[in-house]
Protein backbone atom coordinates (compact mmCIF):
# COMPACT_ATOMS: atom_id res chain seq x y z
CA MET A 1 -0.29 0.23 0.10
CA ILE A 2 1.76 3.32 -0.67
CA VAL A 3 1.42 6.19 2.17
CA LYS A 4 2.44 9.91 2.36
CA PRO A 5 5.00 10.76 3.45
CA HIS A 6 4.82 11.48 7.94
CA ARG A 7 6.15 14.11 9.59
CA HIS A 8 9.43 12.64 12.31
CA PRO A 9 8.51 13.45 15.52
CA LYS A 10 12.50 15.61 16.81
CA GLU A 11 14.97 12.97 18.03
CA CYS A 12 16.00 14.91 21.31
CA LEU A 13 12.62 16.03 22.65
CA PHE A 14 11.27 11.82 22.71
CA MET A 15 14.45 10.04 23.44
CA LYS A 16 14.03 9.76 26.60
CA LEU A 17 10.20 9.27 26.61
CA LEU A 18 7.73 6.43 26.35
CA ILE A 19 4.38 6.68 25.30
CA VAL A 20 1.63 5.14 24.38
CA SER A 21 -2.77 6.51 23.30
CA LYS A 22 -4.69 3.68 26.16
CA PRO A 23 -9.17 3.60 24.95
CA VAL A 24 -11.45 5.23 27.88
CA LEU A 25 -14.67 3.16 26.47
CA THR A 26 -18.93 3.52 27.70
CA ASN A 27 -19.99 0.54 29.04
CA GLN A 28 -21.35 -0.11 25.73
CA MET A 29 -18.53 -0.84 23.82
CA GLU A 30 -17.33 2.62 22.70
CA ILE A 31 -14.98 4.34 22.25
CA MET A 32 -15.27 8.28 23.90
CA SER A 33 -11.79 8.91 24.06
CA TYR A 34 -8.49 7.82 24.35
CA CYS A 35 -5.50 8.41 27.54
CA PHE A 36 -2.06 9.27 27.19
CA ARG A 37 0.20 6.60 29.11
CA TYR A 38 3.82 7.47 29.62
CA GLU A 39 7.16 7.74 31.61
CA ARG A 40 10.26 8.92 31.18
CA ALA A 41 13.54 5.97 30.36
CA GLU A 42 16.25 8.43 31.71
CA GLU A 43 17.72 5.45 33.06
CA PHE A 44 18.49 4.51 29.81
CA LEU A 45 20.72 7.19 29.03
CA ASP A 46 23.18 9.43 29.74
CA PRO A 47 20.99 11.86 32.65
CA GLN A 48 21.09 15.97 31.36
CA PRO A 49 19.72 17.53 33.78
CA ALA A 50 19.45 21.00 31.43
CA ARG A 51 16.91 18.95 29.34
CA MET A 52 15.22 16.98 32.27
CA ALA A 53 14.82 21.09 33.78
CA GLU A 54 13.06 21.59 30.65
CA ASP A 55 10.78 19.25 30.52
CA LEU A 56 9.60 20.13 34.03
CA ILE A 57 8.23 23.05 31.72
CA ARG A 58 6.76 22.07 28.58
CA LEU A 59 6.15 18.42 28.82
CA PRO A 60 7.50 16.22 25.88
CA CYS A 61 3.88 14.50 24.91
CA LEU A 62 2.27 17.95 24.34
CA ASP A 63 5.34 18.47 21.97
CA LEU A 64 5.23 15.07 20.29
CA LEU A 65 0.79 15.12 20.53
CA HIS A 66 1.66 18.41 17.97
CA ASP A 67 4.27 16.70 15.38
CA VAL A 68 2.33 13.74 15.08
CA GLY A 69 -0.86 14.66 14.58
CA LEU A 70 -4.13 13.72 17.12
CA ASN A 71 -5.55 11.34 14.47
CA GLY A 72 -2.76 8.33 15.12
CA PHE A 73 -2.95 7.97 18.92
CA THR A 74 -7.22 9.15 18.83
CA ASN A 75 -8.80 8.12 14.99
CA GLY A 76 -10.06 11.90 16.05
CA MET A 77 -11.54 11.80 18.98
CA PRO A 78 -10.59 13.51 22.77
CA LEU A 79 -7.92 13.35 24.06
CA PHE A 80 -7.40 13.03 27.80
CA VAL A 81 -3.70 14.51 28.45
CA PRO A 82 -1.17 14.93 31.52
CA ILE A 83 -0.09 17.71 32.12
CA ASN A 84 2.18 19.48 35.08
CA LYS A 85 2.08 22.32 37.79
CA PHE A 86 4.54 23.87 35.76
CA THR A 87 2.97 23.01 32.33
CA LEU A 88 -0.27 24.96 33.82
CA LEU A 89 1.78 27.72 34.33
CA VAL A 90 2.43 28.13 30.83
CA PRO A 91 1.05 31.91 29.72
CA ASP A 92 1.19 30.09 25.75
CA VAL A 93 0.28 26.46 26.95
CA ALA A 94 -3.27 26.21 24.86
CA LEU A 95 -1.30 26.94 21.63
CA THR A 96 0.50 23.52 21.48
CA PHE A 97 -2.55 22.39 20.23
CA SER A 98 -3.30 23.03 16.20
CA GLU A 99 -6.74 20.63 17.59
CA PRO A 100 -9.82 21.59 18.63
CA ALA A 101 -9.87 22.99 22.34
CA ASP A 102 -12.96 20.62 22.57
CA LYS A 103 -10.34 17.38 21.37
CA ILE A 104 -8.25 17.89 24.67
CA ILE A 105 -9.41 16.98 28.74
CA PHE A 106 -6.52 18.26 30.03
CA LEU A 107 -4.98 15.70 32.86
CA LEU A 108 -4.31 17.61 36.69
CA CYS A 109 -0.94 15.47 37.81
CA VAL A 110 -1.50 14.45 41.59
CA ASP A 111 0.72 16.97 43.08
CA THR A 112 -0.91 20.02 41.71
CA GLU A 113 -2.15 22.58 44.49
CA PRO A 114 -5.38 23.76 44.37
CA GLU A 115 -3.45 27.44 45.16
CA GLU A 116 -4.72 30.78 43.15
CA MET A 117 -1.93 30.07 40.70
CA PHE A 118 -3.07 26.79 39.54
CA LEU A 119 -6.31 27.38 39.78
CA SER A 120 -7.27 31.35 37.60
CA CYS A 121 -5.34 28.09 35.60
CA ILE A 122 -6.73 26.07 34.83
CA ARG A 123 -10.31 28.94 35.40
CA SER A 124 -8.41 30.82 31.92
CA LEU A 125 -8.21 27.06 30.39
CA LYS A 126 -11.71 26.40 30.43
CA GLU A 127 -12.54 30.29 29.39
CA LYS A 128 -10.60 28.62 26.13
CA GLY A 129 -12.06 24.95 26.26
CA PHE A 130 -10.81 22.72 27.23
CA ARG A 131 -11.95 20.26 29.76
CA PHE A 132 -9.54 19.28 32.70
CA ALA A 133 -9.87 15.92 34.79
CA VAL A 134 -7.75 14.51 37.77
CA GLU A 135 -6.47 11.35 38.96
CA GLY A 136 -5.79 9.26 41.79
CA VAL A 137 -6.66 12.51 44.42
CA ARG A 138 -6.08 11.14 47.94
CA ASP A 139 -8.20 13.91 49.83
CA TYR A 140 -10.90 15.02 48.05
CA ASP A 141 -11.73 17.65 51.39
CA TYR A 142 -7.99 18.83 50.48
CA MET A 143 -8.65 18.92 46.44
CA HIS A 144 -12.08 20.61 46.18
CA PRO A 145 -11.20 23.63 44.91
CA ILE A 146 -9.32 21.78 42.32
CA LEU A 147 -11.83 18.99 41.55
CA GLU A 148 -14.60 21.58 40.87
CA LEU A 149 -13.74 22.85 38.26
CA CYS A 150 -12.72 19.51 36.57
CA ASP A 151 -15.40 18.11 34.52
CA PHE A 152 -13.45 13.91 34.69
CA ILE A 153 -12.56 12.42 38.79
CA MET A 154 -11.07 9.00 37.45
CA ILE A 155 -10.14 6.32 40.02
CA SER A 156 -8.28 4.06 40.17
CA PHE A 157 -9.76 -0.47 40.42
CA LYS A 158 -5.17 -1.27 39.90
CA ASN A 159 -4.82 -3.10 43.64
CA ASN A 160 -7.80 -0.82 45.48
CA ARG A 161 -10.61 -2.17 47.62
CA ASP A 162 -12.29 0.17 48.67
CA GLY A 163 -12.31 1.84 45.08
CA LEU A 164 -16.20 1.83 44.66
CA ALA A 165 -16.74 3.29 48.42
CA GLU A 166 -14.46 6.20 47.19
CA PHE A 167 -16.28 6.45 43.74
CA ASP A 168 -19.62 6.92 46.30
CA ARG A 169 -18.58 8.68 48.81
CA ALA A 170 -16.70 11.40 45.65
CA THR A 171 -20.89 10.42 43.73
CA ARG A 172 -22.30 12.73 46.33
CA ARG A 173 -20.06 15.00 46.40
CA TYR A 174 -19.87 15.93 42.71
CA PRO A 175 -23.28 14.10 41.12
CA THR A 176 -23.01 16.33 38.20
CA HIS A 177 -18.95 14.94 37.16
CA THR A 178 -17.98 12.48 34.87
CA PHE A 179 -16.20 9.97 37.23
CA ILE A 180 -13.80 7.07 35.04
CA ALA A 181 -13.24 3.76 36.16
CA THR A 182 -9.19 3.31 34.87
CA ASN A 183 -6.74 0.23 35.16
CA VAL A 184 -9.98 -1.94 34.95
CA ASP A 185 -7.86 -4.99 33.58
CA SER A 186 -10.31 -8.07 33.58
CA PRO A 187 -13.99 -8.71 32.17
CA GLN A 188 -15.11 -9.11 35.32
CA LEU A 189 -14.60 -6.12 36.91
CA PHE A 190 -15.63 -4.63 33.88
CA ASP A 191 -18.99 -6.61 34.10
CA ARG A 192 -18.95 -5.14 38.21
CA LEU A 193 -18.69 -1.83 36.94
CA LYS A 194 -20.54 -0.80 34.49
CA TYR A 195 -24.14 -0.58 35.84
CA SER A 196 -22.52 0.72 38.77
CA GLY A 197 -23.03 4.57 37.94
CA PHE A 198 -18.83 5.04 35.79
CA GLY A 199 -19.22 6.85 33.25
CA TYR A 200 -16.11 5.55 31.39
CA PHE A 201 -13.72 2.09 31.48
CA GLU A 202 -10.45 2.15 30.84
CA GLY A 203 -8.06 -1.41 31.26
CA THR A 204 -7.05 -3.75 29.28
CA PHE A 205 -11.04 -5.41 29.97
CA TYR A 206 -12.26 -5.09 25.99
CA ARG A 207 -8.86 -7.26 24.32
CA VAL A 208 -8.89 -10.51 26.69
CA PRO A 209 -8.25 -13.64 24.69
CA VAL A 210 -11.42 -15.55 24.50
CA SER A 211 -11.72 -19.55 26.47
CA LYS A 212 -14.14 -20.68 25.13
CA GLU A 213 -16.28 -20.45 21.96
CA GLN A 214 -19.14 -18.66 22.30
CA ASN A 215 -20.56 -18.31 18.58
CA ALA A 216 -20.46 -20.41 15.29
CA LEU A 217 -18.46 -17.63 12.90
CA ALA A 218 -20.15 -15.83 10.86
CA PRO A 219 -20.58 -16.52 7.01
CA VAL A 220 -19.14 -12.86 6.29
CA LYS A 221 -15.77 -13.76 8.54
CA VAL A 222 -15.37 -17.56 5.90
CA ASN A 223 -15.62 -15.09 2.78
CA ARG A 224 -12.39 -12.98 4.45
CA ILE A 225 -10.39 -15.72 6.21
CA GLN A 226 -10.88 -17.87 3.36
CA LEU A 227 -9.73 -13.91 1.23
CA ILE A 228 -6.95 -14.19 3.61
CA ASN A 229 -5.50 -17.66 2.79
CA ILE A 230 -5.77 -16.96 -0.77
CA VAL A 231 -3.37 -14.70 -1.39
CA ARG A 232 -0.83 -16.04 1.19
CA GLU A 233 0.21 -18.40 -1.63
CA PRO A 234 3.01 -17.50 -3.05
CA ASP A 235 1.21 -17.19 -6.63
CA PHE A 236 -2.87 -16.61 -5.78
CA SER A 237 -4.24 -16.22 -8.88
CA ILE A 238 -6.45 -12.96 -9.16
CA GLU A 239 -9.47 -14.69 -10.99
CA GLU A 240 -9.27 -16.35 -7.51
CA VAL A 241 -9.71 -12.81 -5.32
CA VAL A 242 -12.29 -11.48 -7.75
CA GLY A 243 -14.21 -14.57 -6.53
CA VAL A 244 -14.35 -14.02 -2.72
CA VAL A 245 -14.55 -9.72 -2.83
CA SER A 246 -17.57 -9.84 -5.70
CA ARG A 247 -19.53 -11.72 -2.38
CA ASP A 248 -18.28 -9.17 -0.42
CA PRO A 249 -19.80 -5.74 -0.82
CA SER A 250 -17.61 -4.66 2.03
CA LEU A 251 -14.75 -5.39 0.34
CA THR A 252 -15.99 -4.71 -2.63
CA ILE A 253 -16.45 -1.28 -0.95
CA SER A 254 -12.39 -1.61 0.30
CA LEU A 255 -10.84 -2.12 -2.33
CA LEU A 256 -12.22 -0.01 -4.98
CA LYS A 257 -11.64 3.23 -2.14
CA LEU A 258 -7.53 2.08 -2.01
CA VAL A 259 -7.61 1.58 -6.26
CA ASN A 260 -9.69 5.87 -6.99
CA SER A 261 -7.24 7.31 -3.87
CA PRO A 262 -5.85 10.09 -4.59
CA TYR A 263 -2.84 8.29 -3.46
CA LEU A 264 -2.50 6.17 -6.84
CA GLY A 265 -3.13 8.55 -8.32
CA LEU A 266 -4.99 7.06 -11.49
CA SER A 267 -5.98 9.83 -15.22
CA GLN A 268 -9.83 7.70 -14.73
CA LYS A 269 -11.57 6.30 -12.24
CA VAL A 270 -12.02 1.69 -11.91
CA THR A 271 -15.51 0.47 -11.28
CA GLY A 272 -14.95 -3.09 -11.89
CA ILE A 273 -13.25 -5.23 -9.51
CA GLN A 274 -11.06 -7.40 -11.56
CA GLN A 275 -9.72 -4.37 -12.70
CA ALA A 276 -8.75 -2.80 -9.40
CA VAL A 277 -6.53 -5.92 -8.54
CA ALA A 278 -4.83 -5.96 -12.02
CA LEU A 279 -3.52 -3.39 -11.36
CA LEU A 280 -2.11 -3.24 -7.92
CA GLY A 281 -1.28 -6.77 -8.65
CA GLN A 282 -0.31 -9.46 -6.05
CA VAL A 283 2.56 -6.81 -3.56
CA GLU A 284 -0.47 -4.48 -3.98
CA VAL A 285 -3.33 -6.71 -3.22
CA ARG A 286 -1.52 -8.72 -0.53
CA LYS A 287 -1.36 -5.41 1.80
CA TRP A 288 -4.37 -4.57 1.29
CA VAL A 289 -6.43 -8.14 2.73
CA ALA A 290 -3.33 -7.62 5.47
CA THR A 291 -5.17 -4.28 6.38
CA ALA A 292 -8.83 -4.22 5.09
CA THR A 293 -9.35 -7.87 6.60
CA ALA A 294 -8.74 -6.75 10.04
CA GLY A 295 -11.33 -4.31 9.95
CA LEU A 296 -14.34 -5.64 7.93
CA LEU A 297 -13.37 -9.44 10.14
CA ALA A 298 -13.72 -6.71 13.79
CA SER A 299 -16.59 -5.15 12.06
CA ASP A 300 -19.09 -6.18 15.09
CA ARG A 301 -16.18 -5.32 18.30
CA PRO A 302 -15.18 -2.98 18.85
CA GLN A 303 -13.53 -0.40 17.14
CA GLU A 304 -10.24 -0.66 18.66
CA ILE A 305 -9.87 -4.34 18.26
CA THR A 306 -9.73 -3.13 14.91
CA ARG A 307 -6.55 -0.34 16.29
CA ILE A 308 -4.70 -2.30 17.75
CA SER A 309 -4.64 -5.77 15.41
CA LEU A 310 -2.97 -3.31 12.28
CA LEU A 311 -0.65 -0.48 15.47
CA ARG A 312 0.54 -4.62 16.77
CA ALA A 313 1.00 -5.74 12.94
CA LYS A 314 3.44 -2.33 12.37
CA PHE A 315 4.79 -1.75 15.65
CA ALA A 316 5.70 -5.58 15.28
CA GLU A 317 7.55 -5.09 12.39
CA ASN A 318 9.15 -2.29 12.81
CA LEU A 319 10.93 -3.95 15.75
CA ALA A 320 11.88 -6.70 13.72
CA ARG A 321 15.46 -5.20 12.83
CA HIS A 322 16.04 -4.10 16.41
CA PHE A 323 15.58 -8.45 17.21
CA GLU A 324 18.02 -8.88 14.14
CA LYS A 325 14.83 -10.66 12.99
CA ALA A 326 15.03 -8.44 10.28
CA LEU A 327 13.67 -10.78 7.07
CA HIS A 328 11.10 -11.22 9.34
CA SER A 329 9.59 -8.51 9.84
CA GLN A 330 6.73 -9.68 7.12
CA ALA A 331 5.60 -12.60 8.89
CA LEU A 332 5.80 -10.50 12.69
CA PHE A 333 3.70 -8.10 10.89
CA LEU A 334 0.93 -10.39 10.10
CA MET A 335 1.75 -11.98 13.58
CA GLY A 336 0.59 -8.70 15.10
CA LEU A 337 -1.87 -8.39 12.23
CA PHE A 338 -3.99 -11.93 14.15
CA SER A 339 -2.74 -10.73 17.61
CA VAL A 340 -6.19 -10.65 18.33
CA LEU A 341 -7.38 -13.34 16.38
CA ASP A 342 -9.29 -15.12 19.59
CA VAL A 343 -11.52 -11.61 20.21
CA ILE A 344 -12.41 -10.74 16.62
CA LEU A 345 -13.82 -14.79 16.04
CA GLU A 346 -15.00 -15.13 19.86
CA MET A 347 -12.98 -18.53 19.67
CA PRO A 348 -9.80 -19.62 21.49
CA MET A 349 -7.11 -18.77 20.18
CA TYR A 350 -5.99 -22.67 19.20
CA ASN A 351 -9.18 -22.82 16.98
CA ALA A 352 -9.30 -19.79 15.22
CA LEU A 353 -5.72 -20.32 14.07
CA LYS A 354 -7.32 -23.25 11.96
CA ILE A 355 -8.82 -21.51 10.62
CA VAL A 356 -6.18 -18.83 8.95
CA SER A 357 -3.14 -19.78 7.62
CA VAL A 358 0.19 -19.65 9.50
CA THR A 359 4.11 -20.17 9.71
CA ASP A 360 4.74 -22.46 12.48
CA THR A 361 6.56 -19.91 14.56
CA ILE A 362 3.81 -17.51 14.84
CA HIS A 363 1.49 -20.49 16.12
CA GLU A 364 4.14 -21.28 18.33
CA ALA A 365 3.97 -17.42 19.11
CA LEU A 366 0.09 -16.44 18.98
CA VAL A 367 -1.32 -20.14 20.48
CA TYR A 368 2.11 -21.61 23.64
CA ARG A 369 3.11 -18.03 24.49
CA ASP A 370 6.38 -19.23 23.12
CA GLY A 371 9.28 -19.20 20.64
CA GLU A 372 11.28 -17.03 18.78
CA TYR A 373 9.49 -14.26 17.92
CA MET A 374 7.34 -14.50 22.04
CA PRO A 375 10.05 -11.34 22.82
CA ILE A 376 8.60 -9.29 19.64
CA LEU A 377 4.76 -10.39 21.34
CA ASN A 378 5.36 -9.92 24.93
CA LEU A 379 6.99 -6.60 24.13
CA ILE A 380 4.13 -5.30 21.97
CA THR A 381 1.52 -6.47 24.55
CA SER A 382 3.04 -4.56 27.79
CA TYR A 383 3.47 -1.18 25.48
CA GLU A 384 0.39 -0.84 24.70
CA ALA A 385 -0.50 -1.77 28.11
CA ALA A 386 1.89 0.92 30.14
CA ASP A 387 3.31 -1.80 31.80
CA TRP A 388 6.81 0.06 31.68
CA ILE A 389 8.46 -2.07 33.98
CA GLU A 390 8.64 -5.31 32.01
CA VAL A 391 8.50 -2.65 29.12
CA LYS A 392 12.51 -1.71 30.87
CA ARG A 393 12.83 -5.79 31.54
CA ILE A 394 11.80 -6.78 27.71
CA VAL A 395 14.40 -3.74 26.87
CA THR A 396 17.53 -4.87 29.19
CA LEU A 397 16.87 -8.66 28.55
CA ASN A 398 17.21 -8.11 24.64
CA ASN A 399 20.18 -5.14 25.07
CA LEU A 400 17.58 -2.50 22.96
CA ASN A 401 17.91 1.06 22.82
CA VAL A 402 14.35 1.88 24.86
CA ALA A 403 15.14 5.28 21.57
CA ASP A 404 13.98 2.78 18.72
CA VAL A 405 10.86 1.05 20.98
CA PHE A 406 9.59 4.12 20.76
CA LYS A 407 10.35 5.25 17.30
CA ALA A 408 9.73 2.07 16.48
CA TYR A 409 5.62 2.56 18.06
CA ILE A 410 5.51 6.37 16.78
CA ASP A 411 5.36 4.50 12.79
CA ALA A 412 3.77 2.51 13.51
CA VAL A 413 1.07 5.16 15.35
CA GLN A 414 2.21 8.01 11.94
CA TRP A 415 1.29 5.16 9.69
CA TYR A 416 -1.86 3.97 11.42
CA ASP A 417 -3.09 7.87 10.68
CA THR A 418 -1.82 6.99 6.89
CA LEU A 419 -4.80 4.92 6.10
CA VAL A 420 -7.10 6.75 8.18
CA SER A 421 -6.87 9.73 6.17
CA GLN A 422 -7.09 7.85 2.37
CA ALA A 423 -10.03 6.48 3.85
CA LEU A 424 -11.74 10.59 5.32
CA ASP A 425 -9.57 11.72 2.12
CA PHE A 426 -11.30 9.55 -0.44
CA GLU A 427 -14.36 9.60 1.74
CA GLY A 428 -15.21 13.15 0.83
CA GLU A 429 -13.23 12.90 -2.26
CA GLU A 430 -17.62 10.90 -2.67
CA GLY A 431 -19.45 13.50 -0.80
CA ALA A 432 -18.06 15.69 -3.16
């Protein structure tokens, strides 16, 4: 697939940063927004006190958002952006963002004191349309002046047995605020909380592997899996691809969107499936099938599943050379793409991979969590969960450079942003 060039973040600013955007969902598993989770990684690099002091005033994640843009991180949805008390005092902090104010929700650090100099900055930014959230409140009485100005209150359920009691007390005091349960990392906990009054939920509950098959495989998914298996052949038949695509309106629309996109630059509009496949050729058809089927297979699952599938695929491909597996980059792309296949097909991974043809190495990683690809898969899943302790352990164990890991992730985000932009540009042309 042809992709547009993108901007590269300033290396000097982001070498010490690990960052990921995590989805915030409703109790109906619909995405409301995303939340930046990040950590500095100074211990992997030479300390630079001057730079660290500068970062206290201007957070690297704000510059990163400016350079990379909102779409890759959030599909254009609102983003909770951590902001410390020093950055809050910067007069032009609102100018950091090119996105509309209603897309940015400032997540205050818990050490932001309820002093007038901070409160006036919060009021000023709220007048411009920005919203505020706070997380990890330990003393509601002390933080009351700040809490009154917030729109969201986050309550973590990580090792917190009193989370519901805290929620009950807080809602009595702030009945108009929206509450977000964070670190909801199991379906069982989500089931307990989803009707309790929380507005939104953050955690890994929506992508827990399926251990018991729940439904028979829908015929439309069988059709799409058949297409995946066809293009896995070294010299596949274009006629077979045309036959499968022609039975699936969604695949047809996706194919014609790609071949008529401005990035291919064709002078005349293509309306036939066979012509589109022939114009793309085998290499580009394989790439299209890999990306298109990920979204279409997961069309009845939470939207984030598609995003995870594609980001994992590209992240794995980007990490290949750093694990000395550059020749395995395409296999690693498929491993990432199929790493949520059990969630998509609603069946155990072992059964899901009986339907899709993969190599023994991919099978070993996804089913048995073992083999030569497993360190890469572990790094990817730990990174997206913002499990920075495990990320650092894997980085150290495999003698990796943390800056390379960061760049591999950001490149995957920008690649995904390109896919989203292509779709939006085509839809815009169609509606014109």
